[in-house]
Amino acid sequence: MIMKNVRTVLLAAALFVSAAAMAQYDDRGPGRGQRGQGGPGQRERMTVAQRAERETSRLLQTIEDLSDQQIGDIYVINLKYATADSVRMDEMRAQRDRGERPQEGDFEAMRKQMQERQEAKTAEIRAVLNADQQAKYDALLKQMAERRGQGGPGRGQGRPPRGEGGPQGGPDGFGD
């Protein structure tokens, strides 16, 4: 009981400190740091600290016997990768806003980089865990991968590759 309270207090303190540190990053001017213009069906994008907190909390639901030190270390890892992903997304949005389109092969290269980053993040988190915790973490990753594989069209599954046409018959699979 006491460990759970200490863990909660430590996590809250880490989140507060990181949120304050990331405030500079997320304070980029009007309209920045939000998805779209707030139209129907759109929601505000999570801050880097919120994403790191969500990922750390998700892990705490699966691996309940993490020490306070492990929780802090995992949060820092999640924050590092969430920050890098956010910077990368901002760069991609800026390219899109300038009217630049990805070149042929860019998507495959981006997919490979994303996979490499995810593997590096997984290795860093596994290094913080003991053997029993690693087994639970591996099971969580497997479950998440299975869930991703069940997505329908619009989630990257079930669509034909570009240029091969689709139900609408267009060259990109989405009409003429």
N, C-alpha and C. Protein backbone atom coordinates (compact mmCIF):
# COMPACT_ATOMS: atom_id res chain seq x y z
N MET A 1 0.83 -1.19 0.00
CA MET A 1 0.00 0.00 0.00
C MET A 1 0.87 1.25 0.00
N ILE A 2 1.89 1.26 0.88
CA ILE A 2 2.77 2.41 0.96
C ILE A 2 3.55 2.56 -0.34
N MET A 3 4.02 1.42 -0.91
CA MET A 3 4.77 1.48 -2.16
C MET A 3 3.91 2.06 -3.28
N LYS A 4 2.62 1.69 -3.30
CA LYS A 4 1.74 2.20 -4.34
C LYS A 4 1.57 3.71 -4.21
N ASN A 5 1.44 4.21 -2.97
CA ASN A 5 1.32 5.65 -2.74
C ASN A 5 2.61 6.36 -3.12
N VAL A 6 3.75 5.78 -2.76
CA VAL A 6 5.03 6.38 -3.12
C VAL A 6 5.18 6.41 -4.63
N ARG A 7 4.81 5.31 -5.28
CA ARG A 7 4.89 5.23 -6.74
C ARG A 7 4.02 6.31 -7.39
N THR A 8 2.80 6.48 -6.88
CA THR A 8 1.89 7.49 -7.43
C THR A 8 2.46 8.89 -7.24
N VAL A 9 2.97 9.18 -6.06
CA VAL A 9 3.54 10.50 -5.79
C VAL A 9 4.76 10.75 -6.69
N LEU A 10 5.62 9.74 -6.81
CA LEU A 10 6.80 9.90 -7.66
C LEU A 10 6.42 10.13 -9.12
N LEU A 11 5.45 9.35 -9.61
CA LEU A 11 5.02 9.51 -10.99
C LEU A 11 4.40 10.89 -11.21
N ALA A 12 3.60 11.34 -10.26
CA ALA A 12 2.98 12.67 -10.38
C ALA A 12 4.06 13.76 -10.38
N ALA A 13 5.07 13.61 -9.52
CA ALA A 13 6.14 14.60 -9.48
C ALA A 13 6.93 14.61 -10.79
N ALA A 14 7.22 13.42 -11.31
CA ALA A 14 7.95 13.33 -12.58
C ALA A 14 7.15 13.96 -13.71
N LEU A 15 5.85 13.72 -13.71
CA LEU A 15 5.00 14.31 -14.76
C LEU A 15 4.96 15.82 -14.65
N PHE A 16 4.87 16.34 -13.44
CA PHE A 16 4.84 17.79 -13.25
C PHE A 16 6.13 18.43 -13.74
N VAL A 17 7.25 17.86 -13.36
CA VAL A 17 8.55 18.40 -13.77
C VAL A 17 8.71 18.33 -15.28
N SER A 18 8.35 17.19 -15.88
CA SER A 18 8.52 17.06 -17.33
C SER A 18 7.54 17.95 -18.08
N ALA A 19 6.33 18.10 -17.55
CA ALA A 19 5.37 18.98 -18.22
C ALA A 19 5.88 20.42 -18.23
N ALA A 20 6.47 20.84 -17.14
CA ALA A 20 7.03 22.19 -17.09
C ALA A 20 8.20 22.32 -18.06
N ALA A 21 9.02 21.28 -18.14
CA ALA A 21 10.17 21.33 -19.06
C ALA A 21 9.70 21.33 -20.51
N MET A 22 8.64 20.59 -20.79
CA MET A 22 8.16 20.49 -22.17
C MET A 22 7.28 21.67 -22.57
N ALA A 23 6.89 22.50 -21.61
CA ALA A 23 6.05 23.65 -21.94
C ALA A 23 6.72 24.54 -22.97
N GLN A 24 8.03 24.68 -22.88
CA GLN A 24 8.74 25.47 -23.87
C GLN A 24 8.56 24.87 -25.26
N TYR A 25 8.65 23.56 -25.35
CA TYR A 25 8.54 22.90 -26.64
C TYR A 25 7.15 23.07 -27.22
N ASP A 26 6.11 22.94 -26.38
CA ASP A 26 4.75 23.00 -26.87
C ASP A 26 4.23 24.42 -27.03
N ASP A 27 4.97 25.41 -26.58
CA ASP A 27 4.56 26.80 -26.71
C ASP A 27 5.20 27.38 -27.95
N ARG A 28 4.67 26.98 -29.12
CA ARG A 28 5.31 27.34 -30.39
C ARG A 28 4.52 28.38 -31.17
N GLY A 29 3.54 28.94 -30.56
CA GLY A 29 2.79 29.97 -31.26
C GLY A 29 1.36 29.52 -31.50
N PRO A 30 0.53 30.44 -32.02
CA PRO A 30 -0.88 30.15 -32.19
C PRO A 30 -1.09 29.01 -33.19
N GLY A 31 -1.98 28.09 -32.81
CA GLY A 31 -2.34 27.01 -33.72
C GLY A 31 -1.35 25.86 -33.74
N ARG A 32 -0.17 26.04 -33.19
CA ARG A 32 0.83 24.97 -33.20
C ARG A 32 0.55 24.03 -32.03
N GLY A 33 0.91 22.78 -32.19
CA GLY A 33 0.70 21.82 -31.13
C GLY A 33 -0.72 21.31 -31.06
N GLN A 34 -1.54 21.64 -32.06
CA GLN A 34 -2.90 21.15 -32.11
C GLN A 34 -3.14 20.51 -33.47
N ARG A 35 -4.01 19.53 -33.48
CA ARG A 35 -4.33 18.87 -34.74
C ARG A 35 -5.39 19.69 -35.46
N GLY A 36 -5.13 20.01 -36.69
CA GLY A 36 -6.12 20.70 -37.51
C GLY A 36 -6.52 22.04 -36.92
N GLN A 37 -7.72 22.45 -37.26
CA GLN A 37 -8.24 23.71 -36.77
C GLN A 37 -9.37 23.49 -35.77
N GLY A 38 -9.43 22.30 -35.21
CA GLY A 38 -10.46 22.01 -34.22
C GLY A 38 -11.82 21.75 -34.83
N GLY A 39 -11.86 21.31 -36.06
CA GLY A 39 -13.12 21.03 -36.74
C GLY A 39 -13.77 19.77 -36.20
N PRO A 40 -14.92 19.42 -36.78
CA PRO A 40 -15.65 18.24 -36.32
C PRO A 40 -14.78 16.99 -36.42
N GLY A 41 -14.85 16.17 -35.39
CA GLY A 41 -14.12 14.91 -35.41
C GLY A 41 -12.64 15.04 -35.09
N GLN A 42 -12.17 16.25 -34.89
CA GLN A 42 -10.76 16.44 -34.57
C GLN A 42 -10.64 16.78 -33.10
N ARG A 43 -9.52 16.40 -32.54
CA ARG A 43 -9.28 16.69 -31.13
C ARG A 43 -7.89 17.25 -30.98
N GLU A 44 -7.66 17.85 -29.85
CA GLU A 44 -6.32 18.39 -29.61
C GLU A 44 -5.33 17.27 -29.51
N ARG A 45 -4.17 17.51 -30.06
CA ARG A 45 -3.09 16.54 -30.00
C ARG A 45 -2.55 16.52 -28.58
N MET A 46 -2.20 15.34 -28.12
CA MET A 46 -1.62 15.21 -26.78
C MET A 46 -0.23 15.84 -26.77
N THR A 47 0.12 16.41 -25.63
CA THR A 47 1.47 16.94 -25.50
C THR A 47 2.44 15.77 -25.38
N VAL A 48 3.71 16.07 -25.53
CA VAL A 48 4.74 15.04 -25.42
C VAL A 48 4.69 14.40 -24.03
N ALA A 49 4.54 15.23 -23.00
CA ALA A 49 4.48 14.71 -21.63
C ALA A 49 3.25 13.83 -21.43
N GLN A 50 2.12 14.21 -22.01
CA GLN A 50 0.91 13.40 -21.88
C GLN A 50 1.08 12.04 -22.56
N ARG A 51 1.72 12.04 -23.72
CA ARG A 51 1.97 10.77 -24.41
C ARG A 51 2.88 9.87 -23.58
N ALA A 52 3.94 10.44 -23.01
CA ALA A 52 4.86 9.65 -22.19
C ALA A 52 4.15 9.13 -20.95
N GLU A 53 3.30 9.95 -20.35
CA GLU A 53 2.55 9.53 -19.18
C GLU A 53 1.59 8.39 -19.54
N ARG A 54 0.89 8.52 -20.65
CA ARG A 54 -0.06 7.48 -21.07
C ARG A 54 0.66 6.15 -21.31
N GLU A 55 1.80 6.19 -21.99
CA GLU A 55 2.53 4.96 -22.27
C GLU A 55 3.08 4.33 -21.00
N THR A 56 3.56 5.16 -20.08
CA THR A 56 4.06 4.65 -18.81
C THR A 56 2.92 4.05 -18.00
N SER A 57 1.78 4.71 -17.95
CA SER A 57 0.63 4.21 -17.21
C SER A 57 0.13 2.89 -17.80
N ARG A 58 0.14 2.78 -19.11
CA ARG A 58 -0.28 1.54 -19.77
C ARG A 58 0.62 0.38 -19.32
N LEU A 59 1.90 0.66 -19.23
CA LEU A 59 2.84 -0.37 -18.80
C LEU A 59 2.61 -0.73 -17.33
N LEU A 60 2.30 0.27 -16.50
CA LEU A 60 2.03 0.02 -15.08
C LEU A 60 0.80 -0.86 -14.87
N GLN A 61 -0.14 -0.81 -15.79
CA GLN A 61 -1.32 -1.66 -15.68
C GLN A 61 -0.98 -3.13 -15.92
N THR A 62 0.05 -3.36 -16.72
CA THR A 62 0.46 -4.74 -17.03
C THR A 62 1.50 -5.25 -16.05
N ILE A 63 2.46 -4.40 -15.72
CA ILE A 63 3.55 -4.80 -14.81
C ILE A 63 3.38 -3.98 -13.53
N GLU A 64 2.74 -4.59 -12.55
CA GLU A 64 2.40 -3.87 -11.33
C GLU A 64 3.53 -3.81 -10.31
N ASP A 65 4.56 -4.64 -10.49
CA ASP A 65 5.61 -4.71 -9.48
C ASP A 65 6.85 -3.89 -9.86
N LEU A 66 6.65 -2.80 -10.58
CA LEU A 66 7.77 -1.93 -10.92
C LEU A 66 8.18 -1.09 -9.71
N SER A 67 9.47 -0.91 -9.55
CA SER A 67 9.95 -0.04 -8.47
C SER A 67 9.79 1.42 -8.90
N ASP A 68 9.90 2.31 -7.95
CA ASP A 68 9.81 3.74 -8.27
C ASP A 68 10.91 4.14 -9.25
N GLN A 69 12.10 3.59 -9.07
CA GLN A 69 13.22 3.88 -9.97
C GLN A 69 12.89 3.41 -11.39
N GLN A 70 12.33 2.22 -11.53
CA GLN A 70 11.97 1.70 -12.84
C GLN A 70 10.91 2.57 -13.50
N ILE A 71 9.92 2.99 -12.74
CA ILE A 71 8.86 3.85 -13.28
C ILE A 71 9.47 5.14 -13.82
N GLY A 72 10.34 5.74 -13.04
CA GLY A 72 10.99 6.98 -13.48
C GLY A 72 11.83 6.77 -14.72
N ASP A 73 12.59 5.68 -14.75
CA ASP A 73 13.43 5.39 -15.92
C ASP A 73 12.59 5.16 -17.17
N ILE A 74 11.50 4.42 -17.02
CA ILE A 74 10.63 4.13 -18.17
C ILE A 74 9.96 5.41 -18.65
N TYR A 75 9.53 6.25 -17.72
CA TYR A 75 8.93 7.52 -18.11
C TYR A 75 9.92 8.37 -18.92
N VAL A 76 11.16 8.43 -18.49
CA VAL A 76 12.18 9.21 -19.20
C VAL A 76 12.40 8.64 -20.61
N ILE A 77 12.42 7.32 -20.74
CA ILE A 77 12.56 6.69 -22.07
C ILE A 77 11.37 7.07 -22.94
N ASN A 78 10.15 6.92 -22.40
CA ASN A 78 8.95 7.27 -23.17
C ASN A 78 8.95 8.74 -23.56
N LEU A 79 9.39 9.61 -22.66
CA LEU A 79 9.45 11.04 -22.95
C LEU A 79 10.45 11.33 -24.06
N LYS A 80 11.59 10.67 -24.03
CA LYS A 80 12.62 10.86 -25.05
C LYS A 80 12.08 10.51 -26.44
N TYR A 81 11.44 9.37 -26.55
CA TYR A 81 10.93 8.94 -27.86
C TYR A 81 9.70 9.75 -28.29
N ALA A 82 8.85 10.13 -27.35
CA ALA A 82 7.69 10.96 -27.69
C ALA A 82 8.15 12.33 -28.20
N THR A 83 9.20 12.88 -27.60
CA THR A 83 9.74 14.17 -28.04
C THR A 83 10.31 14.05 -29.45
N ALA A 84 11.08 13.01 -29.70
CA ALA A 84 11.67 12.82 -31.03
C ALA A 84 10.58 12.63 -32.07
N ASP A 85 9.54 11.86 -31.74
CA ASP A 85 8.44 11.64 -32.68
C ASP A 85 7.70 12.94 -32.97
N SER A 86 7.51 13.76 -31.95
CA SER A 86 6.80 15.02 -32.13
C SER A 86 7.59 15.97 -33.03
N VAL A 87 8.89 16.02 -32.84
CA VAL A 87 9.74 16.87 -33.69
C VAL A 87 9.65 16.39 -35.14
N ARG A 88 9.72 15.09 -35.33
CA ARG A 88 9.65 14.52 -36.67
C ARG A 88 8.30 14.84 -37.34
N MET A 89 7.21 14.72 -36.57
CA MET A 89 5.89 15.03 -37.11
C MET A 89 5.77 16.51 -37.47
N ASP A 90 6.34 17.37 -36.65
CA ASP A 90 6.31 18.80 -36.97
C ASP A 90 7.06 19.09 -38.27
N GLU A 91 8.17 18.40 -38.47
CA GLU A 91 8.93 18.56 -39.72
C GLU A 91 8.09 18.10 -40.91
N MET A 92 7.39 16.99 -40.76
CA MET A 92 6.55 16.48 -41.85
C MET A 92 5.39 17.44 -42.13
N ARG A 93 4.80 17.99 -41.07
CA ARG A 93 3.70 18.95 -41.29
C ARG A 93 4.21 20.20 -42.01
N ALA A 94 5.40 20.65 -41.64
CA ALA A 94 5.97 21.84 -42.29
C ALA A 94 6.20 21.57 -43.77
N GLN A 95 6.68 20.39 -44.10
CA GLN A 95 6.87 20.03 -45.52
C GLN A 95 5.53 20.03 -46.24
N ARG A 96 4.52 19.46 -45.61
CA ARG A 96 3.19 19.41 -46.21
C ARG A 96 2.65 20.83 -46.41
N ASP A 97 2.85 21.69 -45.41
CA ASP A 97 2.36 23.07 -45.51
C ASP A 97 3.06 23.84 -46.62
N ARG A 98 4.30 23.47 -46.92
CA ARG A 98 5.03 24.11 -48.02
C ARG A 98 4.66 23.50 -49.37
N GLY A 99 3.78 22.50 -49.34
CA GLY A 99 3.35 21.87 -50.58
C GLY A 99 4.30 20.79 -51.08
N GLU A 100 5.25 20.40 -50.25
CA GLU A 100 6.18 19.35 -50.66
C GLU A 100 5.53 18.00 -50.44
N ARG A 101 5.72 17.11 -51.39
CA ARG A 101 5.18 15.75 -51.29
C ARG A 101 6.32 14.77 -51.15
N PRO A 102 6.10 13.72 -50.39
CA PRO A 102 7.15 12.70 -50.25
C PRO A 102 7.50 12.08 -51.61
N GLN A 103 8.76 11.77 -51.77
CA GLN A 103 9.22 11.14 -53.00
C GLN A 103 8.95 9.64 -52.95
N GLU A 104 8.99 9.02 -54.12
CA GLU A 104 8.80 7.57 -54.21
C GLU A 104 9.84 6.88 -53.32
N GLY A 105 9.43 5.96 -52.51
CA GLY A 105 10.34 5.25 -51.62
C GLY A 105 10.48 5.88 -50.25
N ASP A 106 10.02 7.13 -50.08
CA ASP A 106 10.13 7.80 -48.79
C ASP A 106 9.31 7.09 -47.71
N PHE A 107 8.13 6.59 -48.10
CA PHE A 107 7.28 5.94 -47.12
C PHE A 107 7.92 4.66 -46.59
N GLU A 108 8.53 3.90 -47.47
CA GLU A 108 9.20 2.68 -47.03
C GLU A 108 10.37 3.01 -46.11
N ALA A 109 11.12 4.06 -46.43
CA ALA A 109 12.24 4.47 -45.58
C ALA A 109 11.72 4.95 -44.23
N MET A 110 10.62 5.70 -44.22
CA MET A 110 10.04 6.17 -42.96
C MET A 110 9.56 4.99 -42.12
N ARG A 111 8.92 4.02 -42.76
CA ARG A 111 8.44 2.85 -42.04
C ARG A 111 9.60 2.10 -41.40
N LYS A 112 10.70 1.97 -42.14
CA LYS A 112 11.87 1.28 -41.61
C LYS A 112 12.46 2.04 -40.42
N GLN A 113 12.54 3.37 -40.53
CA GLN A 113 13.06 4.18 -39.43
C GLN A 113 12.17 4.07 -38.20
N MET A 114 10.85 4.08 -38.41
CA MET A 114 9.92 3.95 -37.29
C MET A 114 10.10 2.60 -36.60
N GLN A 115 10.27 1.56 -37.39
CA GLN A 115 10.46 0.23 -36.81
C GLN A 115 11.76 0.17 -36.02
N GLU A 116 12.82 0.77 -36.56
CA GLU A 116 14.11 0.78 -35.86
C GLU A 116 14.02 1.56 -34.55
N ARG A 117 13.31 2.70 -34.56
CA ARG A 117 13.14 3.48 -33.34
C ARG A 117 12.34 2.69 -32.30
N GLN A 118 11.30 2.00 -32.75
CA GLN A 118 10.49 1.22 -31.83
C GLN A 118 11.30 0.08 -31.22
N GLU A 119 12.14 -0.55 -32.03
CA GLU A 119 12.99 -1.63 -31.52
C GLU A 119 14.00 -1.09 -30.51
N ALA A 120 14.54 0.09 -30.76
CA ALA A 120 15.49 0.70 -29.82
C ALA A 120 14.80 1.05 -28.51
N LYS A 121 13.60 1.62 -28.61
CA LYS A 121 12.84 1.97 -27.41
C LYS A 121 12.51 0.71 -26.61
N THR A 122 12.08 -0.35 -27.29
CA THR A 122 11.77 -1.60 -26.62
C THR A 122 13.00 -2.15 -25.90
N ALA A 123 14.14 -2.09 -26.55
CA ALA A 123 15.38 -2.58 -25.92
C ALA A 123 15.73 -1.76 -24.69
N GLU A 124 15.55 -0.44 -24.76
CA GLU A 124 15.86 0.41 -23.60
C GLU A 124 14.93 0.09 -22.43
N ILE A 125 13.65 -0.10 -22.72
CA ILE A 125 12.70 -0.41 -21.65
C ILE A 125 13.00 -1.79 -21.07
N ARG A 126 13.28 -2.77 -21.94
CA ARG A 126 13.60 -4.12 -21.45
C ARG A 126 14.83 -4.11 -20.54
N ALA A 127 15.79 -3.22 -20.81
CA ALA A 127 17.01 -3.14 -20.00
C ALA A 127 16.72 -2.69 -18.58
N VAL A 128 15.61 -1.99 -18.38
CA VAL A 128 15.22 -1.50 -17.05
C VAL A 128 14.52 -2.61 -16.25
N LEU A 129 13.96 -3.60 -16.93
CA LEU A 129 13.12 -4.61 -16.30
C LEU A 129 13.90 -5.85 -15.91
N ASN A 130 13.39 -6.56 -14.90
CA ASN A 130 13.97 -7.86 -14.56
C ASN A 130 13.34 -8.93 -15.47
N ALA A 131 13.76 -10.18 -15.34
CA ALA A 131 13.33 -11.24 -16.25
C ALA A 131 11.82 -11.45 -16.24
N ASP A 132 11.20 -11.48 -15.04
CA ASP A 132 9.74 -11.67 -14.97
C ASP A 132 9.00 -10.50 -15.60
N GLN A 133 9.48 -9.30 -15.35
CA GLN A 133 8.85 -8.11 -15.91
C GLN A 133 9.03 -8.08 -17.43
N GLN A 134 10.19 -8.52 -17.91
CA GLN A 134 10.42 -8.57 -19.35
C GLN A 134 9.41 -9.51 -20.02
N ALA A 135 9.13 -10.64 -19.39
CA ALA A 135 8.16 -11.58 -19.95
C ALA A 135 6.78 -10.93 -20.05
N LYS A 136 6.38 -10.18 -19.02
CA LYS A 136 5.09 -9.47 -19.05
C LYS A 136 5.09 -8.39 -20.13
N TYR A 137 6.20 -7.70 -20.25
CA TYR A 137 6.33 -6.64 -21.27
C TYR A 137 6.25 -7.24 -22.67
N ASP A 138 6.94 -8.35 -22.88
CA ASP A 138 6.90 -9.01 -24.18
C ASP A 138 5.49 -9.47 -24.52
N ALA A 139 4.75 -9.97 -23.52
CA ALA A 139 3.37 -10.39 -23.75
C ALA A 139 2.50 -9.18 -24.12
N LEU A 140 2.74 -8.04 -23.47
CA LEU A 140 1.99 -6.82 -23.79
C LEU A 140 2.28 -6.39 -25.23
N LEU A 141 3.54 -6.42 -25.63
CA LEU A 141 3.90 -6.04 -26.99
C LEU A 141 3.24 -6.96 -28.01
N LYS A 142 3.22 -8.25 -27.71
CA LYS A 142 2.60 -9.22 -28.62
C LYS A 142 1.10 -8.94 -28.75
N GLN A 143 0.46 -8.67 -27.61
CA GLN A 143 -0.97 -8.36 -27.61
C GLN A 143 -1.25 -7.10 -28.43
N MET A 144 -0.43 -6.08 -28.27
CA MET A 144 -0.61 -4.84 -29.02
C MET A 144 -0.42 -5.07 -30.51
N ALA A 145 0.56 -5.90 -30.88
CA ALA A 145 0.81 -6.19 -32.29
C ALA A 145 -0.37 -6.95 -32.89
N GLU A 146 -0.94 -7.87 -32.13
CA GLU A 146 -2.11 -8.61 -32.62
C GLU A 146 -3.29 -7.68 -32.82
N ARG A 147 -3.47 -6.75 -31.89
CA ARG A 147 -4.56 -5.79 -32.01
C ARG A 147 -4.39 -4.90 -33.24
N ARG A 148 -3.14 -4.46 -33.50
CA ARG A 148 -2.88 -3.64 -34.69
C ARG A 148 -3.18 -4.43 -35.95
N GLY A 149 -2.89 -5.70 -35.94
CA GLY A 149 -3.11 -6.55 -37.11
C GLY A 149 -4.57 -6.78 -37.42
N GLN A 150 -5.46 -6.45 -36.49
CA GLN A 150 -6.88 -6.66 -36.70
C GLN A 150 -7.57 -5.43 -37.28
N GLY A 151 -6.84 -4.36 -37.53
CA GLY A 151 -7.43 -3.14 -38.05
C GLY A 151 -8.01 -3.36 -39.44
N GLY A 152 -9.03 -2.61 -39.76
CA GLY A 152 -9.64 -2.69 -41.09
C GLY A 152 -9.10 -1.60 -41.98
N PRO A 153 -9.71 -1.40 -43.14
CA PRO A 153 -9.27 -0.31 -44.02
C PRO A 153 -9.27 1.01 -43.27
N GLY A 154 -8.28 1.81 -43.56
CA GLY A 154 -8.14 3.08 -42.86
C GLY A 154 -7.14 2.97 -41.72
N ARG A 155 -6.79 1.74 -41.36
CA ARG A 155 -5.78 1.53 -40.33
C ARG A 155 -4.58 0.82 -40.93
N GLY A 156 -4.44 0.95 -42.24
CA GLY A 156 -3.28 0.38 -42.90
C GLY A 156 -3.46 -1.07 -43.27
N GLN A 157 -4.60 -1.66 -42.96
CA GLN A 157 -4.84 -3.06 -43.27
C GLN A 157 -5.92 -3.15 -44.34
N GLY A 158 -5.79 -4.11 -45.20
CA GLY A 158 -6.84 -4.38 -46.17
C GLY A 158 -6.82 -3.50 -47.40
N ARG A 159 -5.94 -2.55 -47.45
CA ARG A 159 -5.84 -1.70 -48.63
C ARG A 159 -4.81 -2.28 -49.59
N PRO A 160 -5.06 -2.16 -50.90
CA PRO A 160 -4.04 -2.61 -51.83
C PRO A 160 -2.86 -1.65 -51.83
N PRO A 161 -1.68 -2.11 -52.17
CA PRO A 161 -0.55 -1.20 -52.28
C PRO A 161 -0.84 -0.14 -53.33
N ARG A 162 -0.22 1.01 -53.18
CA ARG A 162 -0.42 2.10 -54.14
C ARG A 162 -0.11 1.64 -55.55
N GLY A 163 -0.94 2.11 -56.47
CA GLY A 163 -0.70 1.82 -57.87
C GLY A 163 -1.30 0.51 -58.34
N GLU A 164 -1.86 -0.30 -57.42
CA GLU A 164 -2.43 -1.56 -57.84
C GLU A 164 -3.94 -1.51 -57.95
N GLY A 165 -4.51 -0.34 -57.72
CA GLY A 165 -5.94 -0.21 -57.85
C GLY A 165 -6.66 -0.82 -56.67
N GLY A 166 -7.95 -0.71 -56.67
CA GLY A 166 -8.73 -1.24 -55.57
C GLY A 166 -10.16 -1.34 -56.00
N PRO A 167 -11.07 -1.38 -55.07
CA PRO A 167 -12.47 -1.56 -55.42
C PRO A 167 -13.01 -0.45 -56.29
N GLN A 168 -12.46 0.76 -56.17
CA GLN A 168 -12.92 1.86 -57.00
C GLN A 168 -12.21 1.87 -58.34
N GLY A 169 -11.15 1.12 -58.48
CA GLY A 169 -10.49 0.97 -59.77
C GLY A 169 -9.48 2.03 -60.12
N GLY A 170 -9.29 3.03 -59.27
CA GLY A 170 -8.31 4.08 -59.58
C GLY A 170 -6.89 3.60 -59.36
N PRO A 171 -5.91 4.33 -59.88
CA PRO A 171 -4.52 3.88 -59.76
C PRO A 171 -4.02 3.87 -58.32
N ASP A 172 -4.65 4.66 -57.44
CA ASP A 172 -4.22 4.65 -56.05
C ASP A 172 -5.16 3.86 -55.16
N GLY A 173 -6.19 3.22 -55.76
CA GLY A 173 -7.12 2.42 -54.99
C GLY A 173 -8.24 3.22 -54.37
N PHE A 174 -8.31 4.51 -54.68
CA PHE A 174 -9.31 5.35 -54.07
C PHE A 174 -10.15 6.10 -55.11
N GLY A 175 -10.30 5.59 -56.28
CA GLY A 175 -11.12 6.25 -57.29
C GLY A 175 -10.26 6.82 -58.40
N ASP A 176 -10.90 7.58 -59.29
CA ASP A 176 -10.19 8.11 -60.47
C ASP A 176 -9.23 9.20 -60.13
